Amino acid sequence: MYTPDIPQIGDKVIILFPDYVSEKAGKVCGREKISEDPMRDRWLIEISSDNFVVSLYSHEFRVVR
């Protein structure tokens, strides 16, 4: 059975979507916490080459560790 990698702080990732940041490398900064919803699956990803942070769902990036 396939179990997706659970991102960890500091993991290196390749962004798949959205188009304006696709194929860029980034680093996981942590899970986004806006509410107490445990099903929320958004992660803060730092894109060092562009010096900014994006909030992405886990299916929008791939962990490359």
PDB file of N, CA and C in Angstrom:
ATOM      1  N   MET A   1       0.840  -1.190   0.000  1.00  0.00           N
ATOM      2  CA  MET A   1       0.000   0.000   0.000  1.00  0.00           C
ATOM      3  C   MET A   1       0.879   1.245   0.000  1.00  0.00           C
ATOM      4  N   TYR A   2       0.537   2.200  -0.833  1.00  0.00           N
ATOM      5  CA  TYR A   2       1.291   3.439  -0.956  1.00  0.00           C
ATOM      6  C   TYR A   2       0.914   4.397   0.158  1.00  0.00           C
ATOM      7  N   THR A   3       1.912   4.919   0.847  1.00  0.00           N
ATOM      8  CA  THR A   3       1.672   5.968   1.837  1.00  0.00           C
ATOM      9  C   THR A   3       2.561   7.146   1.477  1.00  0.00           C
ATOM     10  N   PRO A   4       1.960   8.283   1.231  1.00  0.00           N
ATOM     11  CA  PRO A   4       2.758   9.438   0.826  1.00  0.00           C
ATOM     12  C   PRO A   4       3.674   9.901   1.952  1.00  0.00           C
ATOM     13  N   ASP A   5       4.799  10.470   1.560  1.00  0.00           N
ATOM     14  CA  ASP A   5       5.702  11.040   2.559  1.00  0.00           C
ATOM     15  C   ASP A   5       5.017  12.183   3.283  1.00  0.00           C
ATOM     16  N   ILE A   6       5.179  12.184   4.579  1.00  0.00           N
ATOM     17  CA  ILE A   6       4.693  13.315   5.356  1.00  0.00           C
ATOM     18  C   ILE A   6       5.849  14.300   5.439  1.00  0.00           C
ATOM     19  N   PRO A   7       5.654  15.507   4.932  1.00  0.00           N
ATOM     20  CA  PRO A   7       6.746  16.475   4.945  1.00  0.00           C
ATOM     21  C   PRO A   7       7.218  16.776   6.369  1.00  0.00           C
ATOM     22  N   GLN A   8       8.506  17.001   6.492  1.00  0.00           N
ATOM     23  CA  GLN A   8       9.117  17.379   7.761  1.00  0.00           C
ATOM     24  C   GLN A   8       9.783  18.735   7.570  1.00  0.00           C
ATOM     25  N   ILE A   9       9.838  19.518   8.625  1.00  0.00           N
ATOM     26  CA  ILE A   9      10.500  20.820   8.561  1.00  0.00           C
ATOM     27  C   ILE A   9      11.935  20.613   8.094  1.00  0.00           C
ATOM     28  N   GLY A  10      12.335  21.392   7.106  1.00  0.00           N
ATOM     29  CA  GLY A  10      13.682  21.315   6.558  1.00  0.00           C
ATOM     30  C   GLY A  10      13.804  20.448   5.322  1.00  0.00           C
ATOM     31  N   ASP A  11      12.775  19.640   5.011  1.00  0.00           N
ATOM     32  CA  ASP A  11      12.821  18.811   3.799  1.00  0.00           C
ATOM     33  C   ASP A  11      12.944  19.679   2.557  1.00  0.00           C
ATOM     34  N   LYS A  12      13.727  19.208   1.611  1.00  0.00           N
ATOM     35  CA  LYS A  12      13.811  19.876   0.318  1.00  0.00           C
ATOM     36  C   LYS A  12      12.678  19.350  -0.549  1.00  0.00           C
ATOM     37  N   VAL A  13      12.094  20.251  -1.349  1.00  0.00           N
ATOM     38  CA  VAL A  13      10.966  19.885  -2.195  1.00  0.00           C
ATOM     39  C   VAL A  13      11.123  20.489  -3.584  1.00  0.00           C
ATOM     40  N   ILE A  14      10.423  19.885  -4.533  1.00  0.00           N
ATOM     41  CA  ILE A  14      10.256  20.456  -5.871  1.00  0.00           C
ATOM     42  C   ILE A  14       8.774  20.787  -5.999  1.00  0.00           C
ATOM     43  N   ILE A  15       8.496  22.019  -6.397  1.00  0.00           N
ATOM     44  CA  ILE A  15       7.111  22.471  -6.504  1.00  0.00           C
ATOM     45  C   ILE A  15       6.538  22.052  -7.850  1.00  0.00           C
ATOM     46  N   LEU A  16       5.350  21.458  -7.801  1.00  0.00           N
ATOM     47  CA  LEU A  16       4.670  20.993  -9.013  1.00  0.00           C
ATOM     48  C   LEU A  16       3.639  22.000  -9.514  1.00  0.00           C
ATOM     49  N   PHE A  17       2.925  22.631  -8.619  1.00  0.00           N
ATOM     50  CA  PHE A  17       1.870  23.618  -8.913  1.00  0.00           C
ATOM     51  C   PHE A  17       1.915  24.696  -7.858  1.00  0.00           C
ATOM     52  N   PRO A  18       1.428  25.861  -8.106  1.00  0.00           N
ATOM     53  CA  PRO A  18       0.880  26.450  -9.327  1.00  0.00           C
ATOM     54  C   PRO A  18       1.989  26.824 -10.313  1.00  0.00           C
ATOM     55  N   ASP A  19       1.562  27.160 -11.521  1.00  0.00           N
ATOM     56  CA  ASP A  19       2.507  27.406 -12.609  1.00  0.00           C
ATOM     57  C   ASP A  19       3.560  28.459 -12.302  1.00  0.00           C
ATOM     58  N   TYR A  20       3.193  29.508 -11.573  1.00  0.00           N
ATOM     59  CA  TYR A  20       4.152  30.610 -11.380  1.00  0.00           C
ATOM     60  C   TYR A  20       5.339  30.222 -10.500  1.00  0.00           C
ATOM     61  N   VAL A  21       5.273  29.088  -9.810  1.00  0.00           N
ATOM     62  CA  VAL A  21       6.408  28.604  -9.026  1.00  0.00           C
ATOM     63  C   VAL A  21       6.770  27.153  -9.346  1.00  0.00           C
ATOM     64  N   SER A  22       6.138  26.568 -10.352  1.00  0.00           N
ATOM     65  CA  SER A  22       6.394  25.157 -10.662  1.00  0.00           C
ATOM     66  C   SER A  22       7.853  24.953 -11.067  1.00  0.00           C
ATOM     67  N   GLU A  23       8.372  23.795 -10.702  1.00  0.00           N
ATOM     68  CA  GLU A  23       9.737  23.368 -10.976  1.00  0.00           C
ATOM     69  C   GLU A  23      10.791  24.093 -10.153  1.00  0.00           C
ATOM     70  N   LYS A  24      10.369  24.923  -9.230  1.00  0.00           N
ATOM     71  CA  LYS A  24      11.337  25.590  -8.349  1.00  0.00           C
ATOM     72  C   LYS A  24      11.608  24.694  -7.153  1.00  0.00           C
ATOM     73  N   ALA A  25      12.802  24.829  -6.606  1.00  0.00           N
ATOM     74  CA  ALA A  25      13.166  24.091  -5.400  1.00  0.00           C
ATOM     75  C   ALA A  25      12.813  24.933  -4.187  1.00  0.00           C
ATOM     76  N   GLY A  26      12.458  24.236  -3.123  1.00  0.00           N
ATOM     77  CA  GLY A  26      12.118  24.936  -1.898  1.00  0.00           C
ATOM     78  C   GLY A  26      12.435  24.094  -0.686  1.00  0.00           C
ATOM     79  N   LYS A  27      12.086  24.639   0.481  1.00  0.00           N
ATOM     80  CA  LYS A  27      12.327  23.970   1.746  1.00  0.00           C
ATOM     81  C   LYS A  27      11.077  24.111   2.607  1.00  0.00           C
ATOM     82  N   VAL A  28      10.668  23.023   3.255  1.00  0.00           N
ATOM     83  CA  VAL A  28       9.486  23.042   4.115  1.00  0.00           C
ATOM     84  C   VAL A  28       9.797  23.837   5.377  1.00  0.00           C
ATOM     85  N   CYS A  29       8.970  24.856   5.639  1.00  0.00           N
ATOM     86  CA  CYS A  29       9.115  25.669   6.852  1.00  0.00           C
ATOM     87  C   CYS A  29       8.204  25.166   7.966  1.00  0.00           C
ATOM     88  N   GLY A  30       7.114  24.519   7.611  1.00  0.00           N
ATOM     89  CA  GLY A  30       6.187  23.989   8.600  1.00  0.00           C
ATOM     90  C   GLY A  30       4.788  23.882   8.041  1.00  0.00           C
ATOM     91  N   ARG A  31       3.918  23.291   8.844  1.00  0.00           N
ATOM     92  CA  ARG A  31       2.512  23.155   8.446  1.00  0.00           C
ATOM     93  C   ARG A  31       1.797  24.461   8.740  1.00  0.00           C
ATOM     94  N   GLU A  32       0.972  24.889   7.800  1.00  0.00           N
ATOM     95  CA  GLU A  32       0.201  26.119   8.013  1.00  0.00           C
ATOM     96  C   GLU A  32      -0.892  25.845   9.039  1.00  0.00           C
ATOM     97  N   LYS A  33      -1.010  26.744   9.996  1.00  0.00           N
ATOM     98  CA  LYS A  33      -2.031  26.572  11.019  1.00  0.00           C
ATOM     99  C   LYS A  33      -2.837  27.859  11.107  1.00  0.00           C
ATOM    100  N   ILE A  34      -4.005  27.843  10.464  1.00  0.00           N
ATOM    101  CA  ILE A  34      -4.891  28.997  10.494  1.00  0.00           C
ATOM    102  C   ILE A  34      -6.046  28.731  11.439  1.00  0.00           C
ATOM    103  N   SER A  35      -6.475  27.481  11.490  1.00  0.00           N
ATOM    104  CA  SER A  35      -7.596  27.121  12.351  1.00  0.00           C
ATOM    105  C   SER A  35      -7.254  25.824  13.076  1.00  0.00           C
ATOM    106  N   GLU A  36      -8.170  25.343  13.845  1.00  0.00           N
ATOM    107  CA  GLU A  36      -7.973  24.097  14.577  1.00  0.00           C
ATOM    108  C   GLU A  36      -8.364  22.878  13.745  1.00  0.00           C
ATOM    109  N   ASP A  37      -8.558  23.052  12.468  1.00  0.00           N
ATOM    110  CA  ASP A  37      -8.965  21.963  11.578  1.00  0.00           C
ATOM    111  C   ASP A  37      -7.794  21.001  11.352  1.00  0.00           C
ATOM    112  N   PRO A  38      -7.848  19.789  11.920  1.00  0.00           N
ATOM    113  CA  PRO A  38      -6.735  18.850  11.762  1.00  0.00           C
ATOM    114  C   PRO A  38      -6.606  18.292  10.342  1.00  0.00           C
ATOM    115  N   MET A  39      -7.634  18.465   9.521  1.00  0.00           N
ATOM    116  CA  MET A  39      -7.597  17.963   8.153  1.00  0.00           C
ATOM    117  C   MET A  39      -6.936  18.953   7.190  1.00  0.00           C
ATOM    118  N   ARG A  40      -6.629  20.126   7.664  1.00  0.00           N
ATOM    119  CA  ARG A  40      -5.993  21.132   6.818  1.00  0.00           C
ATOM    120  C   ARG A  40      -4.613  20.618   6.426  1.00  0.00           C
ATOM    121  N   ASP A  41      -4.337  20.592   5.150  1.00  0.00           N
ATOM    122  CA  ASP A  41      -3.107  19.994   4.658  1.00  0.00           C
ATOM    123  C   ASP A  41      -2.308  20.995   3.830  1.00  0.00           C
ATOM    124  N   ARG A  42      -2.092  22.166   4.384  1.00  0.00           N
ATOM    125  CA  ARG A  42      -1.299  23.173   3.676  1.00  0.00           C
ATOM    126  C   ARG A  42       0.031  23.331   4.387  1.00  0.00           C
ATOM    127  N   TRP A  43       1.059  23.543   3.587  1.00  0.00           N
ATOM    128  CA  TRP A  43       2.417  23.648   4.096  1.00  0.00           C
ATOM    129  C   TRP A  43       3.051  24.947   3.621  1.00  0.00           C
ATOM    130  N   LEU A  44       3.888  25.530   4.465  1.00  0.00           N
ATOM    131  CA  LEU A  44       4.626  26.732   4.108  1.00  0.00           C
ATOM    132  C   LEU A  44       5.959  26.296   3.509  1.00  0.00           C
ATOM    133  N   ILE A  45       6.190  26.730   2.272  1.00  0.00           N
ATOM    134  CA  ILE A  45       7.390  26.352   1.532  1.00  0.00           C
ATOM    135  C   ILE A  45       8.176  27.623   1.206  1.00  0.00           C
ATOM    136  N   GLU A  46       9.439  27.641   1.625  1.00  0.00           N
ATOM    137  CA  GLU A  46      10.319  28.773   1.330  1.00  0.00           C
ATOM    138  C   GLU A  46      11.013  28.513  -0.003  1.00  0.00           C
ATOM    139  N   ILE A  47      10.904  29.479  -0.897  1.00  0.00           N
ATOM    140  CA  ILE A  47      11.585  29.403  -2.189  1.00  0.00           C
ATOM    141  C   ILE A  47      12.778  30.346  -2.099  1.00  0.00           C
ATOM    142  N   SER A  48      13.924  29.788  -1.820  1.00  0.00           N
ATOM    143  CA  SER A  48      15.098  30.618  -1.536  1.00  0.00           C
ATOM    144  C   SER A  48      15.584  31.406  -2.744  1.00  0.00           C
ATOM    145  N   SER A  49      15.428  30.852  -3.943  1.00  0.00           N
ATOM    146  CA  SER A  49      15.900  31.558  -5.135  1.00  0.00           C
ATOM    147  C   SER A  49      15.130  32.853  -5.377  1.00  0.00           C
ATOM    148  N   ASP A  50      13.889  32.914  -4.905  1.00  0.00           N
ATOM    149  CA  ASP A  50      13.068  34.108  -5.090  1.00  0.00           C
ATOM    150  C   ASP A  50      12.810  34.844  -3.780  1.00  0.00           C
ATOM    151  N   ASN A  51      13.332  34.314  -2.674  1.00  0.00           N
ATOM    152  CA  ASN A  51      13.229  34.958  -1.365  1.00  0.00           C
ATOM    153  C   ASN A  51      11.784  35.222  -0.937  1.00  0.00           C
ATOM    154  N   PHE A  52      10.917  34.205  -1.047  1.00  0.00           N
ATOM    155  CA  PHE A  52       9.562  34.323  -0.528  1.00  0.00           C
ATOM    156  C   PHE A  52       9.016  32.965  -0.119  1.00  0.00           C
ATOM    157  N   VAL A  53       7.862  32.987   0.546  1.00  0.00           N
ATOM    158  CA  VAL A  53       7.229  31.783   1.066  1.00  0.00           C
ATOM    159  C   VAL A  53       5.857  31.637   0.434  1.00  0.00           C
ATOM    160  N   VAL A  54       5.514  30.392   0.066  1.00  0.00           N
ATOM    161  CA  VAL A  54       4.186  30.103  -0.474  1.00  0.00           C
ATOM    162  C   VAL A  54       3.507  29.059   0.409  1.00  0.00           C
ATOM    163  N   SER A  55       2.187  29.045   0.388  1.00  0.00           N
ATOM    164  CA  SER A  55       1.397  28.070   1.109  1.00  0.00           C
ATOM    165  C   SER A  55       0.823  27.100   0.086  1.00  0.00           C
ATOM    166  N   LEU A  56       1.168  25.810   0.225  1.00  0.00           N
ATOM    167  CA  LEU A  56       0.770  24.820  -0.769  1.00  0.00           C
ATOM    168  C   LEU A  56       0.155  23.596  -0.111  1.00  0.00           C
ATOM    169  N   TYR A  57      -0.769  22.950  -0.833  1.00  0.00           N
ATOM    170  CA  TYR A  57      -1.267  21.640  -0.410  1.00  0.00           C
ATOM    171  C   TYR A  57      -0.174  20.606  -0.691  1.00  0.00           C
ATOM    172  N   SER A  58      -0.179  19.513   0.030  1.00  0.00           N
ATOM    173  CA  SER A  58       0.886  18.513  -0.119  1.00  0.00           C
ATOM    174  C   SER A  58       0.934  17.895  -1.518  1.00  0.00           C
ATOM    175  N   HIS A  59      -0.170  17.898  -2.251  1.00  0.00           N
ATOM    176  CA  HIS A  59      -0.136  17.344  -3.615  1.00  0.00           C
ATOM    177  C   HIS A  59       0.467  18.328  -4.622  1.00  0.00           C
ATOM    178  N   GLU A  60       0.785  19.543  -4.178  1.00  0.00           N
ATOM    179  CA  GLU A  60       1.342  20.554  -5.077  1.00  0.00           C
ATOM    180  C   GLU A  60       2.869  20.590  -5.055  1.00  0.00           C
ATOM    181  N   PHE A  61       3.480  19.716  -4.258  1.00  0.00           N
ATOM    182  CA  PHE A  61       4.936  19.631  -4.232  1.00  0.00           C
ATOM    183  C   PHE A  61       5.349  18.187  -3.975  1.00  0.00           C
ATOM    184  N   ARG A  62       6.631  17.904  -4.248  1.00  0.00           N
ATOM    185  CA  ARG A  62       7.170  16.564  -4.037  1.00  0.00           C
ATOM    186  C   ARG A  62       8.410  16.669  -3.165  1.00  0.00           C
ATOM    187  N   VAL A  63       8.456  15.870  -2.099  1.00  0.00           N
ATOM    188  CA  VAL A  63       9.609  15.847  -1.207  1.00  0.00           C
ATOM    189  C   VAL A  63      10.750  15.116  -1.890  1.00  0.00           C
ATOM    190  N   VAL A  64      11.943  15.732  -1.871  1.00  0.00           N
ATOM    191  CA  VAL A  64      13.112  15.099  -2.475  1.00  0.00           C
ATOM    192  C   VAL A  64      14.185  14.781  -1.435  1.00  0.00           C
ATOM    193  N   ARG A  65      13.989  15.223  -0.233  1.00  0.00           N
ATOM    194  CA  ARG A  65      14.932  14.998   0.892  1.00  0.00           C
ATOM    195  C   ARG A  65      16.327  14.954   0.394  1.00  0.00           C
TER     196      ARG A  65
END
